[in-house]
Protein backbone atom coordinates (compact mmCIF):
# COMPACT_ATOMS: atom_id res chain seq x y z
CA MET A 1 -62.67 113.09 96.40
CA ASN A 2 -62.93 109.77 95.04
CA GLN A 3 -59.68 108.19 95.34
CA ASP A 4 -60.11 106.57 92.18
CA LEU A 5 -60.35 108.94 90.30
CA ARG A 6 -56.83 111.11 92.25
CA HIS A 7 -54.60 108.31 91.21
CA GLN A 8 -56.12 108.55 87.70
CA THR A 9 -55.96 111.77 88.02
CA ILE A 10 -52.73 112.39 89.00
CA SER A 11 -51.20 109.73 86.69
CA ARG A 12 -52.18 111.18 83.77
CA ILE A 13 -50.64 114.55 85.30
CA ALA A 14 -47.19 112.42 85.55
CA GLN A 15 -47.83 111.39 81.77
CA VAL A 16 -48.25 114.86 80.42
CA VAL A 17 -45.74 116.03 82.87
CA SER A 18 -42.91 112.84 81.51
CA GLN A 19 -43.98 113.98 77.47
CA LEU A 20 -43.31 117.86 78.79
CA ILE A 21 -39.93 117.03 79.91
CA TRP A 22 -38.94 114.63 76.61
CA LEU A 23 -40.06 116.71 73.90
CA GLY A 24 -38.87 119.62 76.06
CA SER A 25 -35.38 118.25 76.57
CA LYS A 26 -35.48 117.20 72.28
CA ARG A 27 -36.11 120.32 71.41
CA PHE A 28 -33.09 122.04 73.99
CA ALA A 29 -31.02 119.64 72.31
CA GLN A 30 -31.95 120.56 68.89
CA LYS A 31 -31.40 123.97 70.17
CA LEU A 32 -27.81 123.68 71.65
CA ALA A 33 -26.30 121.75 68.87
CA VAL A 34 -26.21 125.02 66.67
CA TYR A 35 -23.33 125.93 69.38
CA GLY A 36 -21.90 122.93 69.83
CA LEU A 37 -23.53 122.30 73.55
CA THR A 38 -24.92 119.46 75.11
CA ALA A 39 -27.42 120.16 78.00
CA PRO A 40 -24.75 119.29 80.84
CA GLN A 41 -22.83 121.44 79.15
CA TYR A 42 -24.98 124.57 78.91
CA PHE A 43 -26.40 123.67 82.71
CA THR A 44 -22.88 124.15 83.64
CA MET A 45 -22.11 127.28 81.86
CA PHE A 46 -25.07 128.76 83.25
CA ALA A 47 -24.15 128.53 86.74
CA LEU A 48 -20.76 130.28 85.83
CA LEU A 49 -23.27 132.33 84.32
CA ILE A 50 -24.76 132.89 87.44
CA GLN A 51 -21.42 132.79 88.96
CA GLY A 52 -19.89 136.12 87.22
CA GLU A 53 -16.90 135.13 88.41
CA ALA A 54 -14.05 132.48 88.76
CA CYS A 55 -15.49 129.57 89.98
CA PRO A 56 -13.76 126.59 92.39
CA MET A 57 -14.43 123.27 90.62
CA HIS A 58 -15.92 121.84 93.35
CA ALA A 59 -18.63 124.33 94.27
CA LEU A 60 -19.38 123.93 90.02
CA ALA A 61 -20.00 120.09 90.72
CA GLU A 62 -22.07 121.17 93.15
CA ALA A 63 -23.68 123.59 91.64
CA THR A 64 -24.85 121.52 88.97
CA HIS A 65 -25.86 118.89 90.92
CA GLN A 66 -22.40 116.44 89.29
CA ASP A 67 -19.32 114.30 90.84
CA ALA A 68 -15.95 116.61 90.27
CA ALA A 69 -14.66 114.21 87.55
CA THR A 70 -17.94 114.37 85.17
CA VAL A 71 -17.38 118.54 85.87
CA THR A 72 -13.42 117.77 84.60
CA GLY A 73 -15.11 116.36 81.55
CA ILE A 74 -17.04 118.85 80.58
CA VAL A 75 -14.95 121.60 81.56
CA ASN A 76 -12.85 120.02 79.28
CA ARG A 77 -15.10 120.38 76.45
CA LEU A 78 -16.07 123.62 76.90
CA ILE A 79 -12.43 124.98 76.62
CA LYS A 80 -11.89 123.21 73.56
CA LEU A 81 -14.74 124.98 72.86
CA GLY A 82 -13.44 128.52 73.87
CA TYR A 83 -15.97 128.84 76.08
CA VAL A 84 -14.72 128.50 79.08
CA SER A 85 -11.18 128.96 80.86
CA ARG A 86 -9.56 127.29 83.69
CA GLN A 87 -6.59 128.18 86.11
CA ARG A 88 -4.93 126.75 89.08
CA GLY A 89 -5.09 129.28 92.15
CA GLN A 90 -2.92 131.83 93.96
CA ASP A 91 -2.55 131.10 96.81
CA ASP A 92 -3.23 127.20 96.67
CA ARG A 93 -2.09 125.71 93.43
CA ARG A 94 -4.34 122.41 94.01
CA LYS A 95 -7.34 124.65 93.75
CA VAL A 96 -8.83 124.93 90.37
CA TYR A 97 -10.59 127.71 89.33
CA VAL A 98 -12.98 128.26 85.58
CA THR A 99 -14.16 131.16 84.28
CA LEU A 100 -16.93 131.42 81.94
CA GLN A 101 -15.05 133.69 78.73
CA GLU A 102 -16.38 136.48 76.23
CA THR A 103 -17.09 133.75 73.47
CA GLY A 104 -19.30 131.74 76.54
CA ARG A 105 -20.86 134.54 77.41
CA GLN A 106 -21.69 135.81 74.12
CA VAL A 107 -23.29 132.27 73.50
CA MET A 108 -25.45 132.25 76.63
CA GLN A 109 -26.66 135.40 75.37
CA GLU A 110 -28.35 134.18 71.96
CA ALA A 111 -29.01 130.21 73.58
CA GLU A 112 -30.99 131.99 76.34
CA GLN A 113 -32.62 134.14 73.66
CA ALA A 114 -33.62 131.16 71.95
CA ARG A 115 -35.06 129.35 74.99
CA HIS A 116 -36.89 132.49 75.88
CA LYS A 117 -38.39 133.10 72.15
CA GLU A 118 -39.38 129.39 72.94
CA TRP A 119 -41.11 129.25 75.90
CA GLN A 120 -42.98 132.28 73.93
CA ARG A 121 -44.35 130.31 71.61
CA SER A 122 -45.45 127.33 74.22
CA PHE A 123 -47.37 129.33 76.24
CA ALA A 124 -48.74 131.94 74.05
CA ILE A 125 -52.29 129.57 74.39
CA LEU A 126 -52.93 130.46 77.61
CA ASN A 127 -54.24 133.60 79.07
CA GLN A 128 -52.92 135.68 81.45
CA ALA A 129 -54.85 133.87 84.30
CA GLU A 130 -54.29 130.15 83.10
CA LEU A 131 -50.20 131.55 83.45
CA ASP A 132 -50.78 133.00 86.98
CA GLU A 133 -52.37 129.77 88.14
CA MET A 134 -50.34 127.60 86.51
CA SER A 135 -47.12 129.57 88.34
CA ARG A 136 -48.32 129.03 91.29
CA ILE A 137 -49.19 125.77 91.11
CA LEU A 138 -45.84 124.79 89.57
CA GLU A 139 -44.21 126.74 92.31
CA THR A 140 -46.00 124.48 95.32
CA ILE A 141 -45.19 121.85 93.75
CA LEU A 142 -41.38 123.21 93.26
CA THR A 143 -41.48 124.23 97.18
CA ALA A 144 -42.67 121.00 98.06
CA TRP A 145 -39.62 119.04 96.62
CA GLN A 146 -37.80 120.95 98.28
CA THR A 147 -38.42 121.60 101.03
CA ARG A 148 -39.48 118.10 101.91
CA PRO A 149 -38.27 115.84 99.12
CA ASP A 150 -38.88 112.93 100.58
CA THR A 151 -41.07 112.90 103.57
CA VAL A 152 -44.58 114.11 101.35
CA GLU A 153 -46.61 111.11 102.61
CA GLU A 154 -49.05 109.64 99.37
CA GLY A 155 -52.58 110.84 99.73
CA THR A 156 -51.74 114.22 101.19
CA GLN A 157 -54.26 116.93 100.14
CA ASN A 158 -55.07 120.06 100.82
CA GLU A 159 -58.84 120.15 100.43
């Protein structure tokens, strides 16, 4: 394959992906605003939902890829909204645990349903074969980023 063409194609893909991320982020923020949430607050609640039980603050920071101070601020705002609660550990008072409240669970369920409907509308233009191919390609890229994020060499390709 011509390297110039390859670079042009990769540049165009990067532009499209950037636009998709930007538009998707804007739409997602609008959907979350209905619940008084920001994206970091949503992802914090999502991590708690996956956890399914009280989660230590340090684990919540790791799960959301944020530092402890940032997560503390997010949790404080979520407490004010009534979506989560915070309690100290019984065995060790230095440990702080965060729990998703029932109101938070309901908000997450509604937000997830709205998000799912948006994805369904977005991908309605693709047939099943196109969806399968897109899924395969995206999973391949994700795996590469997760397993070798800084060792993928420029120009490396499967041909």
